[in-house]
Amino acid sequence: MRIFFRILLYAVFPLGILLIVVKGLSSFPVIVNCSIKDYTGWDCPGCGGQRAVDAIVQGKFKDAFYYNQLIYIYLSVIAYIYVLFVEYYLLKNKRFMQRYGFSTRFAFLFIVIIFLFFIIRNI
């Protein structure tokens, strides 16, 4: 039974969400403006993220990288957080979090990368 839940949570649910996103992005092309860019004129680390995700959904991976160079890192971290959430909170696998949870060093490195990206992007 636990295998069934893993398959459901790791394959079926994300594919369903992807299908909704694909249908949603193609039928409602709404672009959200960045507040930081509106007020300061600087590109924030997330600027271009919505266009990048839309490009990935359409299979334009090179364009996605052009819109936001960290999009693949962001999506990888989000996917890993999803795995941690499923294993720890839904499947109650406490050993998984102890073995594979985020370390303080990783969190600090991730924040430093985003901060450096923000500075380099606006030079």
PDB file of N, CA and C in Angstrom:
ATOM      1  N   MET A   1       0.817  -1.192   0.000  1.00  0.00           N
ATOM      2  CA  MET A   1       0.000   0.000   0.000  1.00  0.00           C
ATOM      3  C   MET A   1       0.872   1.273   0.000  1.00  0.00           C
ATOM      4  N   ARG A   2       1.992   1.206   0.706  1.00  0.00           N
ATOM      5  CA  ARG A   2       2.884   2.361   0.767  1.00  0.00           C
ATOM      6  C   ARG A   2       3.492   2.660  -0.607  1.00  0.00           C
ATOM      7  N   ILE A   3       3.759   1.631  -1.388  1.00  0.00           N
ATOM      8  CA  ILE A   3       4.285   1.803  -2.746  1.00  0.00           C
ATOM      9  C   ILE A   3       3.246   2.539  -3.604  1.00  0.00           C
ATOM     10  N   PHE A   4       1.987   2.178  -3.451  1.00  0.00           N
ATOM     11  CA  PHE A   4       0.921   2.830  -4.203  1.00  0.00           C
ATOM     12  C   PHE A   4       0.883   4.325  -3.905  1.00  0.00           C
ATOM     13  N   PHE A   5       0.991   4.691  -2.623  1.00  0.00           N
ATOM     14  CA  PHE A   5       0.982   6.105  -2.255  1.00  0.00           C
ATOM     15  C   PHE A   5       2.200   6.830  -2.803  1.00  0.00           C
ATOM     16  N   ARG A   6       3.351   6.176  -2.798  1.00  0.00           N
ATOM     17  CA  ARG A   6       4.555   6.809  -3.366  1.00  0.00           C
ATOM     18  C   ARG A   6       4.372   7.068  -4.857  1.00  0.00           C
ATOM     19  N   ILE A   7       3.850   6.088  -5.577  1.00  0.00           N
ATOM     20  CA  ILE A   7       3.612   6.271  -7.012  1.00  0.00           C
ATOM     21  C   ILE A   7       2.607   7.388  -7.238  1.00  0.00           C
ATOM     22  N   LEU A   8       1.553   7.394  -6.447  1.00  0.00           N
ATOM     23  CA  LEU A   8       0.529   8.426  -6.581  1.00  0.00           C
ATOM     24  C   LEU A   8       1.097   9.811  -6.298  1.00  0.00           C
ATOM     25  N   LEU A   9       1.852   9.943  -5.217  1.00  0.00           N
ATOM     26  CA  LEU A   9       2.362  11.256  -4.814  1.00  0.00           C
ATOM     27  C   LEU A   9       3.541  11.733  -5.655  1.00  0.00           C
ATOM     28  N   TYR A  10       4.365  10.784  -6.146  1.00  0.00           N
ATOM     29  CA  TYR A  10       5.547  11.186  -6.910  1.00  0.00           C
ATOM     30  C   TYR A  10       5.309  11.265  -8.411  1.00  0.00           C
ATOM     31  N   ALA A  11       4.333  10.585  -8.941  1.00  0.00           N
ATOM     32  CA  ALA A  11       4.130  10.568 -10.387  1.00  0.00           C
ATOM     33  C   ALA A  11       2.791  11.172 -10.806  1.00  0.00           C
ATOM     34  N   VAL A  12       1.711  10.633 -10.291  1.00  0.00           N
ATOM     35  CA  VAL A  12       0.391  11.032 -10.769  1.00  0.00           C
ATOM     36  C   VAL A  12       0.060  12.471 -10.362  1.00  0.00           C
ATOM     37  N   PHE A  13       0.262  12.811  -9.113  1.00  0.00           N
ATOM     38  CA  PHE A  13      -0.076  14.155  -8.638  1.00  0.00           C
ATOM     39  C   PHE A  13       0.725  15.243  -9.347  1.00  0.00           C
ATOM     40  N   PRO A  14       2.068  15.136  -9.436  1.00  0.00           N
ATOM     41  CA  PRO A  14       2.819  16.173 -10.166  1.00  0.00           C
ATOM     42  C   PRO A  14       2.450  16.261 -11.648  1.00  0.00           C
ATOM     43  N   LEU A  15       2.158  15.117 -12.282  1.00  0.00           N
ATOM     44  CA  LEU A  15       1.752  15.163 -13.689  1.00  0.00           C
ATOM     45  C   LEU A  15       0.409  15.863 -13.844  1.00  0.00           C
ATOM     46  N   GLY A  16      -0.490  15.649 -12.886  1.00  0.00           N
ATOM     47  CA  GLY A  16      -1.772  16.351 -12.914  1.00  0.00           C
ATOM     48  C   GLY A  16      -1.587  17.850 -12.759  1.00  0.00           C
ATOM     49  N   ILE A  17      -0.724  18.247 -11.839  1.00  0.00           N
ATOM     50  CA  ILE A  17      -0.431  19.673 -11.653  1.00  0.00           C
ATOM     51  C   ILE A  17       0.203  20.255 -12.915  1.00  0.00           C
ATOM     52  N   LEU A  18       1.129  19.512 -13.526  1.00  0.00           N
ATOM     53  CA  LEU A  18       1.767  19.970 -14.765  1.00  0.00           C
ATOM     54  C   LEU A  18       0.731  20.153 -15.870  1.00  0.00           C
ATOM     55  N   LEU A  19      -0.207  19.233 -15.972  1.00  0.00           N
ATOM     56  CA  LEU A  19      -1.263  19.343 -16.984  1.00  0.00           C
ATOM     57  C   LEU A  19      -2.108  20.593 -16.747  1.00  0.00           C
ATOM     58  N   ILE A  20      -2.438  20.864 -15.499  1.00  0.00           N
ATOM     59  CA  ILE A  20      -3.210  22.067 -15.174  1.00  0.00           C
ATOM     60  C   ILE A  20      -2.411  23.319 -15.520  1.00  0.00           C
ATOM     61  N   VAL A  21      -1.107  23.304 -15.210  1.00  0.00           N
ATOM     62  CA  VAL A  21      -0.260  24.464 -15.508  1.00  0.00           C
ATOM     63  C   VAL A  21      -0.160  24.670 -17.011  1.00  0.00           C
ATOM     64  N   VAL A  22       0.024  23.583 -17.765  1.00  0.00           N
ATOM     65  CA  VAL A  22       0.137  23.698 -19.218  1.00  0.00           C
ATOM     66  C   VAL A  22      -1.148  24.276 -19.798  1.00  0.00           C
ATOM     67  N   LYS A  23      -2.274  23.750 -19.390  1.00  0.00           N
ATOM     68  CA  LYS A  23      -3.557  24.268 -19.881  1.00  0.00           C
ATOM     69  C   LYS A  23      -3.776  25.691 -19.411  1.00  0.00           C
ATOM     70  N   GLY A  24      -3.411  25.963 -18.157  1.00  0.00           N
ATOM     71  CA  GLY A  24      -3.624  27.291 -17.590  1.00  0.00           C
ATOM     72  C   GLY A  24      -2.750  28.346 -18.224  1.00  0.00           C
ATOM     73  N   LEU A  25      -1.472  28.045 -18.441  1.00  0.00           N
ATOM     74  CA  LEU A  25      -0.571  29.041 -19.005  1.00  0.00           C
ATOM     75  C   LEU A  25      -0.877  29.325 -20.466  1.00  0.00           C
ATOM     76  N   SER A  26      -1.351  28.313 -21.193  1.00  0.00           N
ATOM     77  CA  SER A  26      -1.624  28.544 -22.605  1.00  0.00           C
ATOM     78  C   SER A  26      -2.946  29.273 -22.816  1.00  0.00           C
ATOM     79  N   SER A  27      -3.908  29.089 -21.919  1.00  0.00           N
ATOM     80  CA  SER A  27      -5.200  29.735 -22.128  1.00  0.00           C
ATOM     81  C   SER A  27      -5.320  31.067 -21.394  1.00  0.00           C
ATOM     82  N   PHE A  28      -4.512  31.299 -20.357  1.00  0.00           N
ATOM     83  CA  PHE A  28      -4.550  32.553 -19.615  1.00  0.00           C
ATOM     84  C   PHE A  28      -3.142  33.147 -19.541  1.00  0.00           C
ATOM     85  N   PRO A  29      -2.686  33.779 -20.598  1.00  0.00           N
ATOM     86  CA  PRO A  29      -1.325  34.335 -20.572  1.00  0.00           C
ATOM     87  C   PRO A  29      -1.257  35.642 -19.774  1.00  0.00           C
ATOM     88  N   VAL A  30      -1.372  35.530 -18.466  1.00  0.00           N
ATOM     89  CA  VAL A  30      -1.317  36.700 -17.593  1.00  0.00           C
ATOM     90  C   VAL A  30       0.108  36.846 -17.077  1.00  0.00           C
ATOM     91  N   ILE A  31       0.669  38.004 -17.243  1.00  0.00           N
ATOM     92  CA  ILE A  31       2.020  38.272 -16.775  1.00  0.00           C
ATOM     93  C   ILE A  31       1.928  39.135 -15.516  1.00  0.00           C
ATOM     94  N   VAL A  32       2.573  38.691 -14.456  1.00  0.00           N
ATOM     95  CA  VAL A  32       2.595  39.434 -13.208  1.00  0.00           C
ATOM     96  C   VAL A  32       3.844  40.301 -13.191  1.00  0.00           C
ATOM     97  N   ASN A  33       3.676  41.574 -12.891  1.00  0.00           N
ATOM     98  CA  ASN A  33       4.820  42.488 -12.825  1.00  0.00           C
ATOM     99  C   ASN A  33       5.563  42.317 -11.508  1.00  0.00           C
ATOM    100  N   CYS A  34       6.867  42.499 -11.556  1.00  0.00           N
ATOM    101  CA  CYS A  34       7.715  42.395 -10.373  1.00  0.00           C
ATOM    102  C   CYS A  34       7.680  43.712  -9.606  1.00  0.00           C
ATOM    103  N   SER A  35       7.337  43.658  -8.333  1.00  0.00           N
ATOM    104  CA  SER A  35       7.261  44.864  -7.500  1.00  0.00           C
ATOM    105  C   SER A  35       8.629  45.503  -7.311  1.00  0.00           C
ATOM    106  N   ILE A  36       9.654  44.674  -7.133  1.00  0.00           N
ATOM    107  CA  ILE A  36      11.007  45.204  -6.936  1.00  0.00           C
ATOM    108  C   ILE A  36      11.465  45.962  -8.176  1.00  0.00           C
ATOM    109  N   LYS A  37      11.208  45.392  -9.340  1.00  0.00           N
ATOM    110  CA  LYS A  37      11.604  46.071 -10.591  1.00  0.00           C
ATOM    111  C   LYS A  37      10.789  47.343 -10.803  1.00  0.00           C
ATOM    112  N   ASP A  38       9.506  47.315 -10.438  1.00  0.00           N
ATOM    113  CA  ASP A  38       8.669  48.505 -10.598  1.00  0.00           C
ATOM    114  C   ASP A  38       9.149  49.659  -9.729  1.00  0.00           C
ATOM    115  N   TYR A  39       9.549  49.370  -8.488  1.00  0.00           N
ATOM    116  CA  TYR A  39       9.941  50.425  -7.552  1.00  0.00           C
ATOM    117  C   TYR A  39      11.402  50.841  -7.666  1.00  0.00           C
ATOM    118  N   THR A  40      12.287  49.900  -7.937  1.00  0.00           N
ATOM    119  CA  THR A  40      13.716  50.221  -7.946  1.00  0.00           C
ATOM    120  C   THR A  40      14.337  50.250  -9.338  1.00  0.00           C
ATOM    121  N   GLY A  41      13.734  49.531 -10.277  1.00  0.00           N
ATOM    122  CA  GLY A  41      14.311  49.421 -11.613  1.00  0.00           C
ATOM    123  C   GLY A  41      15.330  48.293 -11.715  1.00  0.00           C
ATOM    124  N   TRP A  42      15.581  47.589 -10.614  1.00  0.00           N
ATOM    125  CA  TRP A  42      16.535  46.477 -10.608  1.00  0.00           C
ATOM    126  C   TRP A  42      15.803  45.162 -10.842  1.00  0.00           C
ATOM    127  N   ASP A  43      16.486  44.234 -11.502  1.00  0.00           N
ATOM    128  CA  ASP A  43      15.941  42.887 -11.680  1.00  0.00           C
ATOM    129  C   ASP A  43      16.171  42.089 -10.408  1.00  0.00           C
ATOM    130  N   CYS A  44      15.122  41.533  -9.849  1.00  0.00           N
ATOM    131  CA  CYS A  44      15.276  40.694  -8.651  1.00  0.00           C
ATOM    132  C   CYS A  44      15.697  39.285  -9.089  1.00  0.00           C
ATOM    133  N   PRO A  45      16.095  38.410  -8.172  1.00  0.00           N
ATOM    134  CA  PRO A  45      16.503  37.057  -8.548  1.00  0.00           C
ATOM    135  C   PRO A  45      15.384  36.228  -9.172  1.00  0.00           C
ATOM    136  N   GLY A  46      14.142  36.650  -9.002  1.00  0.00           N
ATOM    137  CA  GLY A  46      13.022  35.902  -9.575  1.00  0.00           C
ATOM    138  C   GLY A  46      12.491  36.476 -10.870  1.00  0.00           C
ATOM    139  N   CYS A  47      12.993  37.650 -11.268  1.00  0.00           N
ATOM    140  CA  CYS A  47      12.514  38.270 -12.506  1.00  0.00           C
ATOM    141  C   CYS A  47      12.773  37.338 -13.691  1.00  0.00           C
ATOM    142  N   GLY A  48      11.758  37.156 -14.488  1.00  0.00           N
ATOM    143  CA  GLY A  48      11.848  36.261 -15.638  1.00  0.00           C
ATOM    144  C   GLY A  48      11.481  34.833 -15.303  1.00  0.00           C
ATOM    145  N   GLY A  49      11.189  34.563 -14.043  1.00  0.00           N
ATOM    146  CA  GLY A  49      10.856  33.196 -13.631  1.00  0.00           C
ATOM    147  C   GLY A  49       9.568  32.681 -14.241  1.00  0.00           C
ATOM    148  N   GLN A  50       8.556  33.545 -14.323  1.00  0.00           N
ATOM    149  CA  GLN A  50       7.279  33.128 -14.903  1.00  0.00           C
ATOM    150  C   GLN A  50       7.440  32.823 -16.387  1.00  0.00           C
ATOM    151  N   ARG A  51       8.169  33.670 -17.084  1.00  0.00           N
ATOM    152  CA  ARG A  51       8.428  33.412 -18.510  1.00  0.00           C
ATOM    153  C   ARG A  51       9.287  32.164 -18.690  1.00  0.00           C
ATOM    154  N   ALA A  52      10.226  31.944 -17.761  1.00  0.00           N
ATOM    155  CA  ALA A  52      11.094  30.767 -17.847  1.00  0.00           C
ATOM    156  C   ALA A  52      10.292  29.481 -17.647  1.00  0.00           C
ATOM    157  N   VAL A  53       9.393  29.475 -16.666  1.00  0.00           N
ATOM    158  CA  VAL A  53       8.558  28.287 -16.453  1.00  0.00           C
ATOM    159  C   VAL A  53       7.668  28.050 -17.663  1.00  0.00           C
ATOM    160  N   ASP A  54       7.106  29.109 -18.219  1.00  0.00           N
ATOM    161  CA  ASP A  54       6.283  28.975 -19.416  1.00  0.00           C
ATOM    162  C   ASP A  54       7.109  28.408 -20.576  1.00  0.00           C
ATOM    163  N   ALA A  55       8.355  28.863 -20.715  1.00  0.00           N
ATOM    164  CA  ALA A  55       9.225  28.348 -21.778  1.00  0.00           C
ATOM    165  C   ALA A  55       9.558  26.877 -21.550  1.00  0.00           C
ATOM    166  N   ILE A  56       9.781  26.476 -20.290  1.00  0.00           N
ATOM    167  CA  ILE A  56      10.071  25.063 -20.000  1.00  0.00           C
ATOM    168  C   ILE A  56       8.868  24.193 -20.341  1.00  0.00           C
ATOM    169  N   VAL A  57       7.677  24.665 -20.001  1.00  0.00           N
ATOM    170  CA  VAL A  57       6.457  23.913 -20.312  1.00  0.00           C
ATOM    171  C   VAL A  57       6.310  23.740 -21.817  1.00  0.00           C
ATOM    172  N   GLN A  58       6.720  24.737 -22.587  1.00  0.00           N
ATOM    173  CA  GLN A  58       6.639  24.652 -24.044  1.00  0.00           C
ATOM    174  C   GLN A  58       7.830  23.918 -24.662  1.00  0.00           C
ATOM    175  N   GLY A  59       8.799  23.512 -23.829  1.00  0.00           N
ATOM    176  CA  GLY A  59       9.954  22.772 -24.328  1.00  0.00           C
ATOM    177  C   GLY A  59      11.084  23.650 -24.830  1.00  0.00           C
ATOM    178  N   LYS A  60      11.042  24.923 -24.532  1.00  0.00           N
ATOM    179  CA  LYS A  60      12.083  25.858 -24.979  1.00  0.00           C
ATOM    180  C   LYS A  60      13.064  26.085 -23.828  1.00  0.00           C
ATOM    181  N   PHE A  61      13.941  25.123 -23.608  1.00  0.00           N
ATOM    182  CA  PHE A  61      14.829  25.135 -22.453  1.00  0.00           C
ATOM    183  C   PHE A  61      15.897  26.219 -22.544  1.00  0.00           C
ATOM    184  N   LYS A  62      16.359  26.509 -23.748  1.00  0.00           N
ATOM    185  CA  LYS A  62      17.361  27.559 -23.935  1.00  0.00           C
ATOM    186  C   LYS A  62      16.754  28.931 -23.630  1.00  0.00           C
ATOM    187  N   ASP A  63      15.519  29.147 -24.062  1.00  0.00           N
ATOM    188  CA  ASP A  63      14.832  30.409 -23.766  1.00  0.00           C
ATOM    189  C   ASP A  63      14.605  30.570 -22.268  1.00  0.00           C
ATOM    190  N   ALA A  64      14.288  29.463 -21.599  1.00  0.00           N
ATOM    191  CA  ALA A  64      14.074  29.507 -20.151  1.00  0.00           C
ATOM    192  C   ALA A  64      15.345  29.973 -19.444  1.00  0.00           C
ATOM    193  N   PHE A  65      16.476  29.462 -19.872  1.00  0.00           N
ATOM    194  CA  PHE A  65      17.749  29.889 -19.285  1.00  0.00           C
ATOM    195  C   PHE A  65      18.015  31.362 -19.583  1.00  0.00           C
ATOM    196  N   TYR A  66      17.630  31.819 -20.754  1.00  0.00           N
ATOM    197  CA  TYR A  66      17.812  33.231 -21.106  1.00  0.00           C
ATOM    198  C   TYR A  66      16.972  34.139 -20.197  1.00  0.00           C
ATOM    199  N   TYR A  67      15.739  33.738 -19.886  1.00  0.00           N
ATOM    200  CA  TYR A  67      14.855  34.557 -19.049  1.00  0.00           C
ATOM    201  C   TYR A  67      15.347  34.640 -17.603  1.00  0.00           C
ATOM    202  N   ASN A  68      15.765  33.512 -17.040  1.00  0.00           N
ATOM    203  CA  ASN A  68      16.274  33.502 -15.664  1.00  0.00           C
ATOM    204  C   ASN A  68      17.301  32.382 -15.555  1.00  0.00           C
ATOM    205  N   GLN A  69      18.542  32.738 -15.318  1.00  0.00           N
ATOM    206  CA  GLN A  69      19.636  31.767 -15.344  1.00  0.00           C
ATOM    207  C   GLN A  69      19.597  30.793 -14.171  1.00  0.00           C
ATOM    208  N   LEU A  70      18.891  31.109 -13.115  1.00  0.00           N
ATOM    209  CA  LEU A  70      18.810  30.200 -11.964  1.00  0.00           C
ATOM    210  C   LEU A  70      17.550  29.335 -11.957  1.00  0.00           C
ATOM    211  N   ILE A  71      16.778  29.358 -13.027  1.00  0.00           N
ATOM    212  CA  ILE A  71      15.486  28.660 -13.020  1.00  0.00           C
ATOM    213  C   ILE A  71      15.657  27.161 -12.780  1.00  0.00           C
ATOM    214  N   TYR A  72      16.689  26.565 -13.314  1.00  0.00           N
ATOM    215  CA  TYR A  72      16.874  25.128 -13.131  1.00  0.00           C
ATOM    216  C   TYR A  72      17.278  24.803 -11.691  1.00  0.00           C
ATOM    217  N   ILE A  73      18.022  25.689 -11.059  1.00  0.00           N
ATOM    218  CA  ILE A  73      18.352  25.499  -9.642  1.00  0.00           C
ATOM    219  C   ILE A  73      17.096  25.661  -8.793  1.00  0.00           C
ATOM    220  N   TYR A  74      16.298  26.697  -9.093  1.00  0.00           N
ATOM    221  CA  TYR A  74      15.051  26.907  -8.354  1.00  0.00           C
ATOM    222  C   TYR A  74      14.127  25.698  -8.463  1.00  0.00           C
ATOM    223  N   LEU A  75      13.933  25.210  -9.673  1.00  0.00           N
ATOM    224  CA  LEU A  75      13.025  24.075  -9.877  1.00  0.00           C
ATOM    225  C   LEU A  75      13.549  22.806  -9.215  1.00  0.00           C
ATOM    226  N   SER A  76      14.862  22.621  -9.210  1.00  0.00           N
ATOM    227  CA  SER A  76      15.446  21.455  -8.541  1.00  0.00           C
ATOM    228  C   SER A  76      15.219  21.522  -7.034  1.00  0.00           C
ATOM    229  N   VAL A  77      15.397  22.690  -6.453  1.00  0.00           N
ATOM    230  CA  VAL A  77      15.178  22.853  -5.009  1.00  0.00           C
ATOM    231  C   VAL A  77      13.701  22.662  -4.675  1.00  0.00           C
ATOM    232  N   ILE A  78      12.812  23.204  -5.504  1.00  0.00           N
ATOM    233  CA  ILE A  78      11.372  23.022  -5.270  1.00  0.00           C
ATOM    234  C   ILE A  78      10.997  21.550  -5.357  1.00  0.00           C
ATOM    235  N   ALA A  79      11.549  20.837  -6.328  1.00  0.00           N
ATOM    236  CA  ALA A  79      11.262  19.401  -6.448  1.00  0.00           C
ATOM    237  C   ALA A  79      11.781  18.642  -5.225  1.00  0.00           C
ATOM    238  N   TYR A  80      12.951  19.005  -4.746  1.00  0.00           N
ATOM    239  CA  TYR A  80      13.502  18.340  -3.569  1.00  0.00           C
ATOM    240  C   TYR A  80      12.674  18.639  -2.319  1.00  0.00           C
ATOM    241  N   ILE A  81      12.211  19.883  -2.191  1.00  0.00           N
ATOM    242  CA  ILE A  81      11.333  20.225  -1.068  1.00  0.00           C
ATOM    243  C   ILE A  81      10.041  19.410  -1.151  1.00  0.00           C
ATOM    244  N   TYR A  82       9.532  19.197  -2.352  1.00  0.00           N
ATOM    245  CA  TYR A  82       8.335  18.372  -2.519  1.00  0.00           C
ATOM    246  C   TYR A  82       8.591  16.946  -2.044  1.00  0.00           C
ATOM    247  N   VAL A  83       9.737  16.384  -2.403  1.00  0.00           N
ATOM    248  CA  VAL A  83      10.085  15.028  -1.960  1.00  0.00           C
ATOM    249  C   VAL A  83      10.196  14.977  -0.435  1.00  0.00           C
ATOM    250  N   LEU A  84      10.855  15.957   0.154  1.00  0.00           N
ATOM    251  CA  LEU A  84      10.957  16.005   1.619  1.00  0.00           C
ATOM    252  C   LEU A  84       9.583  16.099   2.266  1.00  0.00           C
ATOM    253  N   PHE A  85       8.718  16.929   1.718  1.00  0.00           N
ATOM    254  CA  PHE A  85       7.372  17.085   2.256  1.00  0.00           C
ATOM    255  C   PHE A  85       6.597  15.779   2.198  1.00  0.00           C
ATOM    256  N   VAL A  86       6.643  15.117   1.054  1.00  0.00           N
ATOM    257  CA  VAL A  86       5.906  13.854   0.897  1.00  0.00           C
ATOM    258  C   VAL A  86       6.439  12.799   1.859  1.00  0.00           C
ATOM    259  N   GLU A  87       7.742  12.642   1.906  1.00  0.00           N
ATOM    260  CA  GLU A  87       8.321  11.594   2.752  1.00  0.00           C
ATOM    261  C   GLU A  87       8.093  11.866   4.237  1.00  0.00           C
ATOM    262  N   TYR A  88       8.289  13.099   4.666  1.00  0.00           N
ATOM    263  CA  TYR A  88       8.243  13.395   6.098  1.00  0.00           C
ATOM    264  C   TYR A  88       6.818  13.588   6.612  1.00  0.00           C
ATOM    265  N   TYR A  89       6.039  14.389   5.923  1.00  0.00           N
ATOM    266  CA  TYR A  89       4.721  14.737   6.450  1.00  0.00           C
ATOM    267  C   TYR A  89       3.618  13.788   5.999  1.00  0.00           C
ATOM    268  N   LEU A  90       3.655  13.324   4.776  1.00  0.00           N
ATOM    269  CA  LEU A  90       2.578  12.478   4.290  1.00  0.00           C
ATOM    270  C   LEU A  90       2.834  10.989   4.543  1.00  0.00           C
ATOM    271  N   LEU A  91       4.070  10.549   4.324  1.00  0.00           N
ATOM    272  CA  LEU A  91       4.388   9.132   4.523  1.00  0.00           C
ATOM    273  C   LEU A  91       4.997   8.854   5.894  1.00  0.00           C
ATOM    274  N   LYS A  92       5.226   9.888   6.677  1.00  0.00           N
ATOM    275  CA  LYS A  92       5.741   9.785   8.048  1.00  0.00           C
ATOM    276  C   LYS A  92       7.080   9.055   8.131  1.00  0.00           C
ATOM    277  N   ASN A  93       7.947   9.288   7.166  1.00  0.00           N
ATOM    278  CA  ASN A  93       9.258   8.667   7.114  1.00  0.00           C
ATOM    279  C   ASN A  93      10.266   9.615   7.774  1.00  0.00           C
ATOM    280  N   LYS A  94      10.432   9.492   9.065  1.00  0.00           N
ATOM    281  CA  LYS A  94      11.287  10.413   9.829  1.00  0.00           C
ATOM    282  C   LYS A  94      12.771  10.208   9.525  1.00  0.00           C
ATOM    283  N   ARG A  95      13.166   8.980   9.201  1.00  0.00           N
ATOM    284  CA  ARG A  95      14.573   8.717   8.859  1.00  0.00           C
ATOM    285  C   ARG A  95      14.992   9.449   7.595  1.00  0.00           C
ATOM    286  N   PHE A  96      14.064   9.617   6.664  1.00  0.00           N
ATOM    287  CA  PHE A  96      14.387  10.297   5.405  1.00  0.00           C
ATOM    288  C   PHE A  96      14.847  11.721   5.662  1.00  0.00           C
ATOM    289  N   MET A  97      14.135  12.424   6.543  1.00  0.00           N
ATOM    290  CA  MET A  97      14.494  13.804   6.850  1.00  0.00           C
ATOM    291  C   MET A  97      15.851  13.869   7.554  1.00  0.00           C
ATOM    292  N   GLN A  98      16.130  12.910   8.426  1.00  0.00           N
ATOM    293  CA  GLN A  98      17.414  12.901   9.123  1.00  0.00           C
ATOM    294  C   GLN A  98      18.564  12.654   8.154  1.00  0.00           C
ATOM    295  N   ARG A  99      18.343  11.790   7.191  1.00  0.00           N
ATOM    296  CA  ARG A  99      19.401  11.455   6.235  1.00  0.00           C
ATOM    297  C   ARG A  99      19.539  12.485   5.122  1.00  0.00           C
ATOM    298  N   TYR A 100      18.410  12.938   4.585  1.00  0.00           N
ATOM    299  CA  TYR A 100      18.457  13.732   3.353  1.00  0.00           C
ATOM    300  C   TYR A 100      17.912  15.149   3.496  1.00  0.00           C
ATOM    301  N   GLY A 101      17.639  15.600   4.691  1.00  0.00           N
ATOM    302  CA  GLY A 101      17.110  16.953   4.887  1.00  0.00           C
ATOM    303  C   GLY A 101      18.136  18.019   4.550  1.00  0.00           C
ATOM    304  N   PHE A 102      17.671  19.242   4.424  1.00  0.00           N
ATOM    305  CA  PHE A 102      18.566  20.355   4.117  1.00  0.00           C
ATOM    306  C   PHE A 102      19.485  20.626   5.293  1.00  0.00           C
ATOM    307  N   SER A 103      20.737  20.832   4.992  1.00  0.00           N
ATOM    308  CA  SER A 103      21.675  21.237   6.035  1.00  0.00           C
ATOM    309  C   SER A 103      21.730  22.763   6.088  1.00  0.00           C
ATOM    310  N   THR A 104      22.222  23.276   7.172  1.00  0.00           N
ATOM    311  CA  THR A 104      22.377  24.721   7.311  1.00  0.00           C
ATOM    312  C   THR A 104      23.366  25.250   6.279  1.00  0.00           C
ATOM    313  N   ARG A 105      24.371  24.483   5.989  1.00  0.00           N
ATOM    314  CA  ARG A 105      25.381  24.874   5.002  1.00  0.00           C
ATOM    315  C   ARG A 105      24.758  25.031   3.612  1.00  0.00           C
ATOM    316  N   PHE A 106      23.883  24.087   3.242  1.00  0.00           N
ATOM    317  CA  PHE A 106      23.218  24.179   1.939  1.00  0.00           C
ATOM    318  C   PHE A 106      22.319  25.410   1.878  1.00  0.00           C
ATOM    319  N   ALA A 107      21.549  25.660   2.922  1.00  0.00           N
ATOM    320  CA  ALA A 107      20.656  26.822   2.943  1.00  0.00           C
ATOM    321  C   ALA A 107      21.452  28.115   2.818  1.00  0.00           C
ATOM    322  N   PHE A 108      22.557  28.209   3.545  1.00  0.00           N
ATOM    323  CA  PHE A 108      23.403  29.397   3.474  1.00  0.00           C
ATOM    324  C   PHE A 108      23.981  29.560   2.070  1.00  0.00           C
ATOM    325  N   LEU A 109      24.480  28.480   1.478  1.00  0.00           N
ATOM    326  CA  LEU A 109      25.046  28.526   0.130  1.00  0.00           C
ATOM    327  C   LEU A 109      23.988  28.943  -0.890  1.00  0.00           C
ATOM    328  N   PHE A 110      22.786  28.421  -0.756  1.00  0.00           N
ATOM    329  CA  PHE A 110      21.692  28.760  -1.669  1.00  0.00           C
ATOM    330  C   PHE A 110      21.362  30.260  -1.589  1.00  0.00           C
ATOM    331  N   ILE A 111      21.311  30.806  -0.383  1.00  0.00           N
ATOM    332  CA  ILE A 111      21.027  32.232  -0.203  1.00  0.00           C
ATOM    333  C   ILE A 111      22.163  33.082  -0.768  1.00  0.00           C
ATOM    334  N   VAL A 112      23.406  32.660  -0.566  1.00  0.00           N
ATOM    335  CA  VAL A 112      24.557  33.394  -1.109  1.00  0.00           C
ATOM    336  C   VAL A 112      24.515  33.396  -2.636  1.00  0.00           C
ATOM    337  N   ILE A 113      24.183  32.263  -3.245  1.00  0.00           N
ATOM    338  CA  ILE A 113      24.087  32.177  -4.709  1.00  0.00           C
ATOM    339  C   ILE A 113      23.016  33.137  -5.230  1.00  0.00           C
ATOM    340  N   ILE A 114      21.863  33.158  -4.569  1.00  0.00           N
ATOM    341  CA  ILE A 114      20.790  34.057  -4.999  1.00  0.00           C
ATOM    342  C   ILE A 114      21.222  35.515  -4.841  1.00  0.00           C
ATOM    343  N   PHE A 115      21.863  35.838  -3.743  1.00  0.00           N
ATOM    344  CA  PHE A 115      22.313  37.211  -3.509  1.00  0.00           C
ATOM    345  C   PHE A 115      23.359  37.634  -4.548  1.00  0.00           C
ATOM    346  N   LEU A 116      24.322  36.751  -4.836  1.00  0.00           N
ATOM    347  CA  LEU A 116      25.336  37.056  -5.852  1.00  0.00           C
ATOM    348  C   LEU A 116      24.708  37.210  -7.232  1.00  0.00           C
ATOM    349  N   PHE A 117      23.731  36.373  -7.537  1.00  0.00           N
ATOM    350  CA  PHE A 117      23.012  36.476  -8.794  1.00  0.00           C
ATOM    351  C   PHE A 117      22.318  37.832  -8.902  1.00  0.00           C
ATOM    352  N   PHE A 118      21.720  38.294  -7.813  1.00  0.00           N
ATOM    353  CA  PHE A 118      21.049  39.595  -7.778  1.00  0.00           C
ATOM    354  C   PHE A 118      22.038  40.712  -8.068  1.00  0.00           C
ATOM    355  N   ILE A 119      23.221  40.633  -7.452  1.00  0.00           N
ATOM    356  CA  ILE A 119      24.235  41.693  -7.658  1.00  0.00           C
ATOM    357  C   ILE A 119      24.773  41.663  -9.087  1.00  0.00           C
ATOM    358  N   ILE A 120      25.162  40.480  -9.566  1.00  0.00           N
ATOM    359  CA  ILE A 120      25.756  40.357 -10.895  1.00  0.00           C
ATOM    360  C   ILE A 120      24.739  40.734 -11.972  1.00  0.00           C
ATOM    361  N   ARG A 121      23.497  40.390 -11.760  1.00  0.00           N
ATOM    362  CA  ARG A 121      22.454  40.673 -12.746  1.00  0.00           C
ATOM    363  C   ARG A 121      22.225  42.174 -12.934  1.00  0.00           C
ATOM    364  N   ASN A 122      22.499  42.952 -11.898  1.00  0.00           N
ATOM    365  CA  ASN A 122      22.219  44.376 -11.948  1.00  0.00           C
ATOM    366  C   ASN A 122      23.447  45.258 -12.108  1.00  0.00           C
ATOM    367  N   ILE A 123      24.587  44.657 -12.418  1.00  0.00           N
ATOM    368  CA  ILE A 123      25.805  45.446 -12.641  1.00  0.00           C
ATOM    369  C   ILE A 123      25.749  46.054 -14.023  1.00  0.00           C
TER     370      ILE A 123
END
